[in-house]
Amino acid sequence: MKKLLYVPLIISLFSILIACGAYSFTGGNTGDAKTIQIDFFPNRATLIEPTLSQRFTTELQDLFTRQTNLSLIKSGGDMQLSGEITDYRITPMTATANQTAAQNRLTITINVRFTNKLNEKDNFEKSFSFYSDYGANQQLIGGVLDNALSEIIDRITQDIFNASVAKW
């Protein structure tokens, strides 16, 4: 009988903790911040993929609005993310017996500046990079490009989230 009393008590305790903002199952700790400003990330790389800047910026904004209780605003946010795409590079990775590339790697690097107006010790500027491999007999267009960009953007945006609000 006592066990049945503990279940509602535990559920109530978790509900209070989540409602008060003391704990987040997504791992984001935004403290007293209520707003975030995520600026457009221009592509300053030597090799340019036309849709990358818009796609990356939108995915980063979506991640923060989905996984935190912060409101996205255009300027003056309690937290601010800005930066630029600094590298978009395709390199051969593995060779065949004929000394040709068997696999290529797309690598994207993004420089990020994070500012927390409420807790300045959290501020940082650093580069985040990730890659996606694809077959050398494939062209980096259409579905191959879309899959590579999805994999890279998902990883980099999650790394930025972890570094800024999850503190991983």
N, C-alpha and C. Protein backbone atom coordinates (compact mmCIF):
# COMPACT_ATOMS: atom_id res chain seq x y z
N MET A 1 0.82 -1.20 0.00
CA MET A 1 0.00 0.00 0.00
C MET A 1 0.86 1.27 0.00
N LYS A 2 1.98 1.21 0.79
CA LYS A 2 2.85 2.37 0.84
C LYS A 2 3.46 2.66 -0.53
N LYS A 3 3.74 1.61 -1.30
CA LYS A 3 4.32 1.80 -2.63
C LYS A 3 3.40 2.60 -3.54
N LEU A 4 2.10 2.37 -3.40
CA LEU A 4 1.15 3.11 -4.22
C LEU A 4 1.12 4.59 -3.86
N LEU A 5 1.44 4.93 -2.62
CA LEU A 5 1.49 6.33 -2.22
C LEU A 5 2.74 7.04 -2.75
N TYR A 6 3.81 6.28 -2.93
CA TYR A 6 5.05 6.88 -3.42
C TYR A 6 4.97 7.29 -4.88
N VAL A 7 4.24 6.56 -5.70
CA VAL A 7 4.16 6.86 -7.13
C VAL A 7 3.60 8.27 -7.38
N PRO A 8 2.44 8.65 -6.81
CA PRO A 8 1.96 10.02 -7.04
C PRO A 8 2.91 11.08 -6.45
N LEU A 9 3.56 10.75 -5.34
CA LEU A 9 4.50 11.67 -4.73
C LEU A 9 5.69 11.93 -5.65
N ILE A 10 6.23 10.89 -6.25
CA ILE A 10 7.37 11.03 -7.15
C ILE A 10 6.96 11.78 -8.41
N ILE A 11 5.82 11.46 -8.96
CA ILE A 11 5.33 12.16 -10.15
C ILE A 11 5.13 13.64 -9.86
N SER A 12 4.57 13.95 -8.71
CA SER A 12 4.36 15.35 -8.32
C SER A 12 5.69 16.08 -8.16
N LEU A 13 6.67 15.42 -7.57
CA LEU A 13 7.98 16.03 -7.38
C LEU A 13 8.64 16.35 -8.72
N PHE A 14 8.61 15.40 -9.66
CA PHE A 14 9.18 15.64 -10.99
C PHE A 14 8.44 16.77 -11.70
N SER A 15 7.12 16.81 -11.56
CA SER A 15 6.34 17.87 -12.20
C SER A 15 6.73 19.24 -11.67
N ILE A 16 6.92 19.34 -10.38
CA ILE A 16 7.31 20.61 -9.76
C ILE A 16 8.70 21.03 -10.22
N LEU A 17 9.63 20.09 -10.25
CA LEU A 17 11.00 20.40 -10.69
C LEU A 17 11.02 20.89 -12.13
N ILE A 18 10.28 20.23 -12.99
CA ILE A 18 10.26 20.62 -14.40
C ILE A 18 9.55 21.96 -14.57
N ALA A 19 8.44 22.16 -13.89
CA ALA A 19 7.69 23.41 -14.00
C ALA A 19 8.49 24.60 -13.48
N CYS A 20 9.30 24.38 -12.47
CA CYS A 20 10.10 25.46 -11.91
C CYS A 20 11.36 25.71 -12.71
N GLY A 21 11.63 24.88 -13.67
CA GLY A 21 12.82 25.08 -14.50
C GLY A 21 14.10 24.60 -13.85
N ALA A 22 14.00 23.85 -12.78
CA ALA A 22 15.20 23.37 -12.10
C ALA A 22 15.90 22.27 -12.88
N TYR A 23 15.18 21.58 -13.71
CA TYR A 23 15.78 20.49 -14.46
C TYR A 23 15.15 20.42 -15.84
N SER A 24 15.97 20.09 -16.80
CA SER A 24 15.48 19.94 -18.17
C SER A 24 15.93 18.59 -18.70
N PHE A 25 15.02 17.79 -19.23
CA PHE A 25 15.39 16.50 -19.77
C PHE A 25 16.24 16.61 -21.02
N THR A 26 16.27 17.78 -21.65
CA THR A 26 17.10 17.97 -22.84
C THR A 26 18.52 18.36 -22.46
N GLY A 27 18.76 18.69 -21.21
CA GLY A 27 20.10 19.02 -20.77
C GLY A 27 20.45 20.49 -20.87
N GLY A 28 19.56 21.32 -21.38
CA GLY A 28 19.84 22.74 -21.52
C GLY A 28 19.64 23.47 -20.21
N ASN A 29 20.66 24.24 -19.80
CA ASN A 29 20.55 25.03 -18.59
C ASN A 29 20.66 26.49 -18.99
N THR A 30 19.55 27.17 -19.05
CA THR A 30 19.54 28.55 -19.50
C THR A 30 19.55 29.54 -18.35
N GLY A 31 19.57 29.06 -17.12
CA GLY A 31 19.59 29.96 -15.96
C GLY A 31 18.40 30.89 -15.95
N ASP A 32 18.67 32.18 -15.77
CA ASP A 32 17.61 33.19 -15.72
C ASP A 32 17.31 33.78 -17.10
N ALA A 33 18.01 33.32 -18.12
CA ALA A 33 17.81 33.86 -19.47
C ALA A 33 16.41 33.54 -19.98
N LYS A 34 15.84 34.49 -20.65
CA LYS A 34 14.49 34.33 -21.23
C LYS A 34 14.51 34.38 -22.75
N THR A 35 15.55 35.03 -23.31
CA THR A 35 15.58 35.24 -24.76
C THR A 35 16.94 34.84 -25.33
N ILE A 36 16.92 34.49 -26.61
CA ILE A 36 18.16 34.20 -27.33
C ILE A 36 18.08 34.86 -28.70
N GLN A 37 19.22 35.40 -29.11
CA GLN A 37 19.37 36.00 -30.43
C GLN A 37 20.35 35.13 -31.20
N ILE A 38 19.91 34.59 -32.33
CA ILE A 38 20.79 33.79 -33.19
C ILE A 38 20.88 34.49 -34.53
N ASP A 39 22.05 35.08 -34.77
CA ASP A 39 22.27 35.85 -35.98
C ASP A 39 22.48 34.93 -37.18
N PHE A 40 22.33 35.50 -38.37
CA PHE A 40 22.59 34.78 -39.62
C PHE A 40 24.08 34.46 -39.70
N PHE A 41 24.41 33.23 -40.09
CA PHE A 41 25.79 32.78 -40.21
C PHE A 41 26.19 32.86 -41.69
N PRO A 42 26.91 33.92 -42.09
CA PRO A 42 27.29 34.04 -43.50
C PRO A 42 28.37 33.02 -43.87
N ASN A 43 28.43 32.68 -45.15
CA ASN A 43 29.41 31.71 -45.64
C ASN A 43 30.64 32.47 -46.12
N ARG A 44 31.73 32.36 -45.38
CA ARG A 44 32.99 33.02 -45.72
C ARG A 44 34.02 32.01 -46.21
N ALA A 45 33.59 30.78 -46.48
CA ALA A 45 34.49 29.74 -46.96
C ALA A 45 34.92 30.04 -48.40
N THR A 46 36.04 29.46 -48.80
CA THR A 46 36.52 29.64 -50.17
C THR A 46 35.57 28.98 -51.16
N LEU A 47 35.12 27.77 -50.84
CA LEU A 47 34.15 27.04 -51.66
C LEU A 47 32.77 27.26 -51.04
N ILE A 48 31.81 27.72 -51.83
CA ILE A 48 30.50 28.12 -51.30
C ILE A 48 29.40 27.16 -51.77
N GLU A 49 28.62 26.68 -50.80
CA GLU A 49 27.38 25.96 -51.09
C GLU A 49 26.26 26.98 -50.86
N PRO A 50 25.50 27.35 -51.90
CA PRO A 50 24.55 28.47 -51.79
C PRO A 50 23.52 28.36 -50.67
N THR A 51 23.04 27.18 -50.35
CA THR A 51 21.97 27.07 -49.36
C THR A 51 22.48 26.86 -47.93
N LEU A 52 23.78 26.71 -47.76
CA LEU A 52 24.33 26.32 -46.45
C LEU A 52 24.07 27.34 -45.35
N SER A 53 24.30 28.61 -45.61
CA SER A 53 24.12 29.64 -44.57
C SER A 53 22.71 29.66 -44.02
N GLN A 54 21.73 29.72 -44.91
CA GLN A 54 20.34 29.77 -44.47
C GLN A 54 19.94 28.48 -43.76
N ARG A 55 20.34 27.37 -44.32
CA ARG A 55 19.98 26.08 -43.73
C ARG A 55 20.59 25.91 -42.34
N PHE A 56 21.86 26.25 -42.19
CA PHE A 56 22.51 26.12 -40.89
C PHE A 56 21.86 27.04 -39.86
N THR A 57 21.66 28.31 -40.22
CA THR A 57 21.06 29.27 -39.29
C THR A 57 19.68 28.81 -38.83
N THR A 58 18.86 28.36 -39.76
CA THR A 58 17.51 27.90 -39.43
C THR A 58 17.54 26.68 -38.52
N GLU A 59 18.41 25.73 -38.81
CA GLU A 59 18.51 24.50 -37.99
C GLU A 59 18.97 24.84 -36.57
N LEU A 60 19.91 25.78 -36.44
CA LEU A 60 20.39 26.18 -35.12
C LEU A 60 19.27 26.86 -34.33
N GLN A 61 18.53 27.75 -34.98
CA GLN A 61 17.40 28.41 -34.32
C GLN A 61 16.35 27.39 -33.89
N ASP A 62 16.04 26.44 -34.77
CA ASP A 62 15.05 25.41 -34.45
C ASP A 62 15.48 24.57 -33.25
N LEU A 63 16.76 24.21 -33.19
CA LEU A 63 17.25 23.39 -32.08
C LEU A 63 17.06 24.11 -30.75
N PHE A 64 17.42 25.39 -30.70
CA PHE A 64 17.30 26.13 -29.44
C PHE A 64 15.85 26.37 -29.05
N THR A 65 14.98 26.59 -30.00
CA THR A 65 13.58 26.81 -29.65
C THR A 65 12.89 25.51 -29.25
N ARG A 66 13.34 24.38 -29.81
CA ARG A 66 12.77 23.08 -29.44
C ARG A 66 13.25 22.58 -28.08
N GLN A 67 14.52 22.80 -27.78
CA GLN A 67 15.10 22.16 -26.60
C GLN A 67 15.32 23.09 -25.41
N THR A 68 14.89 24.33 -25.51
CA THR A 68 14.95 25.24 -24.36
C THR A 68 13.63 26.00 -24.28
N ASN A 69 13.48 26.74 -23.22
CA ASN A 69 12.29 27.59 -23.07
C ASN A 69 12.59 29.03 -23.47
N LEU A 70 13.70 29.25 -24.18
CA LEU A 70 14.08 30.59 -24.61
C LEU A 70 13.24 31.07 -25.79
N SER A 71 12.93 32.35 -25.78
CA SER A 71 12.23 32.96 -26.91
C SER A 71 13.27 33.51 -27.87
N LEU A 72 13.10 33.22 -29.16
CA LEU A 72 14.00 33.69 -30.20
C LEU A 72 13.62 35.13 -30.56
N ILE A 73 14.59 36.04 -30.44
CA ILE A 73 14.34 37.43 -30.80
C ILE A 73 15.43 37.91 -31.77
N LYS A 74 15.17 39.02 -32.45
CA LYS A 74 16.08 39.52 -33.49
C LYS A 74 17.28 40.29 -32.93
N SER A 75 17.12 40.95 -31.77
CA SER A 75 18.24 41.69 -31.19
C SER A 75 18.05 41.86 -29.69
N GLY A 76 19.18 42.02 -29.00
CA GLY A 76 19.13 42.29 -27.57
C GLY A 76 18.81 41.09 -26.70
N GLY A 77 19.10 39.87 -27.15
CA GLY A 77 18.80 38.68 -26.37
C GLY A 77 19.69 38.53 -25.15
N ASP A 78 19.18 37.84 -24.13
CA ASP A 78 19.99 37.53 -22.95
C ASP A 78 21.19 36.69 -23.35
N MET A 79 20.99 35.82 -24.34
CA MET A 79 22.07 35.02 -24.91
C MET A 79 22.13 35.34 -26.40
N GLN A 80 23.35 35.30 -26.95
CA GLN A 80 23.49 35.60 -28.37
C GLN A 80 24.49 34.64 -29.01
N LEU A 81 24.11 34.13 -30.19
CA LEU A 81 25.00 33.29 -31.00
C LEU A 81 25.22 33.99 -32.33
N SER A 82 26.48 34.12 -32.72
CA SER A 82 26.81 34.69 -34.01
C SER A 82 28.06 33.98 -34.52
N GLY A 83 28.38 34.23 -35.77
CA GLY A 83 29.58 33.61 -36.32
C GLY A 83 29.50 33.52 -37.83
N GLU A 84 30.34 32.64 -38.39
CA GLU A 84 30.39 32.49 -39.83
C GLU A 84 30.90 31.11 -40.19
N ILE A 85 30.53 30.68 -41.38
CA ILE A 85 31.03 29.42 -41.93
C ILE A 85 32.41 29.74 -42.50
N THR A 86 33.44 29.08 -41.99
CA THR A 86 34.81 29.42 -42.38
C THR A 86 35.44 28.42 -43.33
N ASP A 87 34.90 27.21 -43.40
CA ASP A 87 35.51 26.22 -44.29
C ASP A 87 34.46 25.24 -44.80
N TYR A 88 34.55 24.94 -46.08
CA TYR A 88 33.71 23.96 -46.77
C TYR A 88 34.68 23.26 -47.71
N ARG A 89 35.08 22.04 -47.35
CA ARG A 89 36.19 21.40 -48.06
C ARG A 89 35.84 19.96 -48.43
N ILE A 90 36.24 19.58 -49.63
CA ILE A 90 36.08 18.20 -50.09
C ILE A 90 37.49 17.63 -50.29
N THR A 91 37.76 16.50 -49.62
CA THR A 91 39.09 15.88 -49.72
C THR A 91 38.95 14.39 -50.00
N PRO A 92 39.87 13.83 -50.78
CA PRO A 92 39.85 12.37 -50.99
C PRO A 92 40.33 11.68 -49.70
N MET A 93 39.71 10.54 -49.38
CA MET A 93 40.05 9.88 -48.11
C MET A 93 40.78 8.56 -48.27
N THR A 94 40.25 7.65 -49.03
CA THR A 94 40.88 6.34 -49.18
C THR A 94 41.18 6.11 -50.66
N ALA A 95 42.25 5.36 -50.90
CA ALA A 95 42.67 5.12 -52.28
C ALA A 95 42.35 3.68 -52.69
N THR A 96 42.19 3.49 -54.00
CA THR A 96 41.99 2.15 -54.56
C THR A 96 43.34 1.63 -55.04
N ALA A 97 43.37 0.40 -55.54
CA ALA A 97 44.60 -0.18 -56.08
C ALA A 97 45.10 0.61 -57.28
N ASN A 98 44.22 1.30 -57.97
CA ASN A 98 44.59 2.12 -59.14
C ASN A 98 45.02 3.52 -58.75
N GLN A 99 45.21 3.78 -57.47
CA GLN A 99 45.61 5.07 -56.93
C GLN A 99 44.62 6.18 -57.25
N THR A 100 43.36 5.85 -57.21
CA THR A 100 42.30 6.85 -57.32
C THR A 100 41.52 6.85 -56.01
N ALA A 101 40.79 7.91 -55.75
CA ALA A 101 40.04 8.01 -54.49
C ALA A 101 38.86 7.04 -54.51
N ALA A 102 38.72 6.30 -53.42
CA ALA A 102 37.57 5.41 -53.26
C ALA A 102 36.47 6.09 -52.45
N GLN A 103 36.87 7.10 -51.68
CA GLN A 103 35.93 7.79 -50.82
C GLN A 103 36.36 9.24 -50.67
N ASN A 104 35.39 10.13 -50.62
CA ASN A 104 35.65 11.55 -50.41
C ASN A 104 35.03 11.99 -49.09
N ARG A 105 35.54 13.08 -48.55
CA ARG A 105 35.02 13.61 -47.28
C ARG A 105 34.68 15.09 -47.45
N LEU A 106 33.44 15.43 -47.08
CA LEU A 106 33.03 16.83 -47.01
C LEU A 106 33.17 17.27 -45.56
N THR A 107 33.94 18.32 -45.34
CA THR A 107 34.15 18.86 -44.00
C THR A 107 33.68 20.31 -43.97
N ILE A 108 32.92 20.65 -42.94
CA ILE A 108 32.45 22.02 -42.75
C ILE A 108 32.91 22.51 -41.38
N THR A 109 33.43 23.72 -41.35
CA THR A 109 33.88 24.34 -40.09
C THR A 109 33.13 25.65 -39.91
N ILE A 110 32.65 25.86 -38.69
CA ILE A 110 31.89 27.07 -38.37
C ILE A 110 32.48 27.71 -37.12
N ASN A 111 32.80 29.00 -37.23
CA ASN A 111 33.29 29.76 -36.09
C ASN A 111 32.08 30.37 -35.37
N VAL A 112 32.02 30.18 -34.05
CA VAL A 112 30.85 30.61 -33.28
C VAL A 112 31.28 31.50 -32.12
N ARG A 113 30.55 32.58 -31.92
CA ARG A 113 30.72 33.45 -30.76
C ARG A 113 29.45 33.35 -29.92
N PHE A 114 29.59 32.95 -28.66
CA PHE A 114 28.46 32.84 -27.75
C PHE A 114 28.63 33.88 -26.65
N THR A 115 27.58 34.67 -26.45
CA THR A 115 27.58 35.69 -25.41
C THR A 115 26.38 35.48 -24.50
N ASN A 116 26.64 35.41 -23.21
CA ASN A 116 25.58 35.30 -22.21
C ASN A 116 25.65 36.57 -21.36
N LYS A 117 24.72 37.48 -21.58
CA LYS A 117 24.73 38.76 -20.88
C LYS A 117 24.52 38.60 -19.37
N LEU A 118 23.90 37.50 -18.96
CA LEU A 118 23.60 37.30 -17.55
C LEU A 118 24.71 36.56 -16.81
N ASN A 119 25.60 35.91 -17.56
CA ASN A 119 26.68 35.15 -16.94
C ASN A 119 27.88 35.16 -17.90
N GLU A 120 28.67 36.20 -17.82
CA GLU A 120 29.73 36.43 -18.80
C GLU A 120 30.83 35.38 -18.78
N LYS A 121 30.95 34.59 -17.71
CA LYS A 121 31.98 33.55 -17.69
C LYS A 121 31.65 32.41 -18.67
N ASP A 122 30.42 32.37 -19.15
CA ASP A 122 30.01 31.35 -20.13
C ASP A 122 30.37 31.75 -21.57
N ASN A 123 30.77 33.00 -21.79
CA ASN A 123 31.07 33.48 -23.14
C ASN A 123 32.22 32.70 -23.75
N PHE A 124 32.15 32.47 -25.07
CA PHE A 124 33.26 31.82 -25.76
C PHE A 124 33.24 32.15 -27.24
N GLU A 125 34.37 31.94 -27.87
CA GLU A 125 34.48 31.95 -29.33
C GLU A 125 35.31 30.75 -29.70
N LYS A 126 34.73 29.87 -30.51
CA LYS A 126 35.46 28.68 -30.93
C LYS A 126 34.91 28.13 -32.23
N SER A 127 35.69 27.27 -32.85
CA SER A 127 35.29 26.65 -34.12
C SER A 127 34.73 25.26 -33.87
N PHE A 128 33.70 24.94 -34.63
CA PHE A 128 33.09 23.62 -34.59
C PHE A 128 33.19 23.03 -35.99
N SER A 129 33.55 21.76 -36.08
CA SER A 129 33.75 21.15 -37.38
C SER A 129 33.24 19.71 -37.34
N PHE A 130 32.73 19.26 -38.48
CA PHE A 130 32.34 17.87 -38.63
C PHE A 130 32.39 17.51 -40.10
N TYR A 131 32.28 16.24 -40.41
CA TYR A 131 32.46 15.76 -41.77
C TYR A 131 31.44 14.68 -42.11
N SER A 132 31.36 14.39 -43.39
CA SER A 132 30.55 13.28 -43.88
C SER A 132 31.30 12.66 -45.06
N ASP A 133 31.41 11.34 -45.06
CA ASP A 133 32.09 10.62 -46.14
C ASP A 133 31.07 10.12 -47.16
N TYR A 134 31.48 10.11 -48.42
CA TYR A 134 30.64 9.58 -49.48
C TYR A 134 31.54 8.95 -50.54
N GLY A 135 30.98 8.05 -51.32
CA GLY A 135 31.74 7.32 -52.33
C GLY A 135 32.30 8.24 -53.41
N ALA A 136 33.50 7.92 -53.88
CA ALA A 136 34.14 8.75 -54.90
C ALA A 136 33.41 8.67 -56.23
N ASN A 137 32.64 7.61 -56.44
CA ASN A 137 31.88 7.49 -57.69
C ASN A 137 30.57 8.27 -57.62
N GLN A 138 30.28 8.90 -56.48
CA GLN A 138 29.07 9.71 -56.33
C GLN A 138 29.43 11.18 -56.50
N GLN A 139 28.50 11.94 -57.04
CA GLN A 139 28.69 13.38 -57.12
C GLN A 139 28.00 14.02 -55.92
N LEU A 140 28.60 15.08 -55.43
CA LEU A 140 28.06 15.77 -54.26
C LEU A 140 26.96 16.73 -54.69
N ILE A 141 25.84 16.14 -55.13
CA ILE A 141 24.65 16.89 -55.54
C ILE A 141 23.43 16.11 -55.09
N GLY A 142 22.28 16.73 -55.14
CA GLY A 142 21.01 16.06 -54.85
C GLY A 142 20.98 15.39 -53.49
N GLY A 143 20.58 14.13 -53.48
CA GLY A 143 20.42 13.39 -52.24
C GLY A 143 21.72 13.17 -51.48
N VAL A 144 22.81 12.98 -52.21
CA VAL A 144 24.11 12.78 -51.56
C VAL A 144 24.50 14.05 -50.79
N LEU A 145 24.34 15.19 -51.41
CA LEU A 145 24.64 16.46 -50.76
C LEU A 145 23.68 16.71 -49.59
N ASP A 146 22.41 16.46 -49.80
CA ASP A 146 21.41 16.69 -48.75
C ASP A 146 21.70 15.83 -47.53
N ASN A 147 22.03 14.55 -47.74
CA ASN A 147 22.35 13.66 -46.61
C ASN A 147 23.61 14.11 -45.89
N ALA A 148 24.63 14.51 -46.66
CA ALA A 148 25.88 14.96 -46.05
C ALA A 148 25.65 16.22 -45.23
N LEU A 149 24.93 17.19 -45.78
CA LEU A 149 24.66 18.43 -45.05
C LEU A 149 23.82 18.17 -43.80
N SER A 150 22.84 17.29 -43.91
CA SER A 150 22.01 16.96 -42.73
C SER A 150 22.85 16.39 -41.61
N GLU A 151 23.71 15.43 -41.96
CA GLU A 151 24.57 14.80 -40.95
C GLU A 151 25.50 15.82 -40.30
N ILE A 152 26.13 16.65 -41.10
CA ILE A 152 27.08 17.64 -40.59
C ILE A 152 26.39 18.71 -39.76
N ILE A 153 25.31 19.27 -40.29
CA ILE A 153 24.60 20.33 -39.58
C ILE A 153 24.01 19.83 -38.27
N ASP A 154 23.44 18.63 -38.28
CA ASP A 154 22.89 18.07 -37.03
C ASP A 154 23.98 17.97 -35.96
N ARG A 155 25.13 17.48 -36.34
CA ARG A 155 26.22 17.30 -35.37
C ARG A 155 26.76 18.64 -34.87
N ILE A 156 27.00 19.57 -35.79
CA ILE A 156 27.58 20.86 -35.38
C ILE A 156 26.59 21.65 -34.52
N THR A 157 25.31 21.68 -34.89
CA THR A 157 24.33 22.42 -34.07
C THR A 157 24.21 21.80 -32.68
N GLN A 158 24.26 20.48 -32.60
CA GLN A 158 24.19 19.82 -31.28
C GLN A 158 25.44 20.14 -30.46
N ASP A 159 26.60 20.18 -31.10
CA ASP A 159 27.85 20.53 -30.40
C ASP A 159 27.79 21.97 -29.88
N ILE A 160 27.23 22.88 -30.67
CA ILE A 160 27.08 24.27 -30.25
C ILE A 160 26.12 24.36 -29.07
N PHE A 161 25.01 23.65 -29.15
CA PHE A 161 24.04 23.61 -28.05
C PHE A 161 24.71 23.10 -26.78
N ASN A 162 25.44 22.01 -26.91
CA ASN A 162 26.11 21.42 -25.74
C ASN A 162 27.13 22.38 -25.12
N ALA A 163 27.88 23.07 -25.96
CA ALA A 163 28.91 23.99 -25.45
C ALA A 163 28.30 25.24 -24.81
N SER A 164 27.16 25.68 -25.31
CA SER A 164 26.60 26.95 -24.84
C SER A 164 25.64 26.80 -23.66
N VAL A 165 24.68 25.90 -23.73
CA VAL A 165 23.70 25.80 -22.64
C VAL A 165 23.73 24.48 -21.90
N ALA A 166 24.23 23.42 -22.50
CA ALA A 166 24.28 22.14 -21.79
C ALA A 166 25.58 22.01 -21.00
N LYS A 167 26.59 22.83 -21.34
CA LYS A 167 27.88 22.87 -20.66
C LYS A 167 28.59 21.50 -20.68
N TRP A 168 28.52 20.83 -21.84
CA TRP A 168 29.21 19.53 -21.98
C TRP A 168 30.55 19.73 -22.59
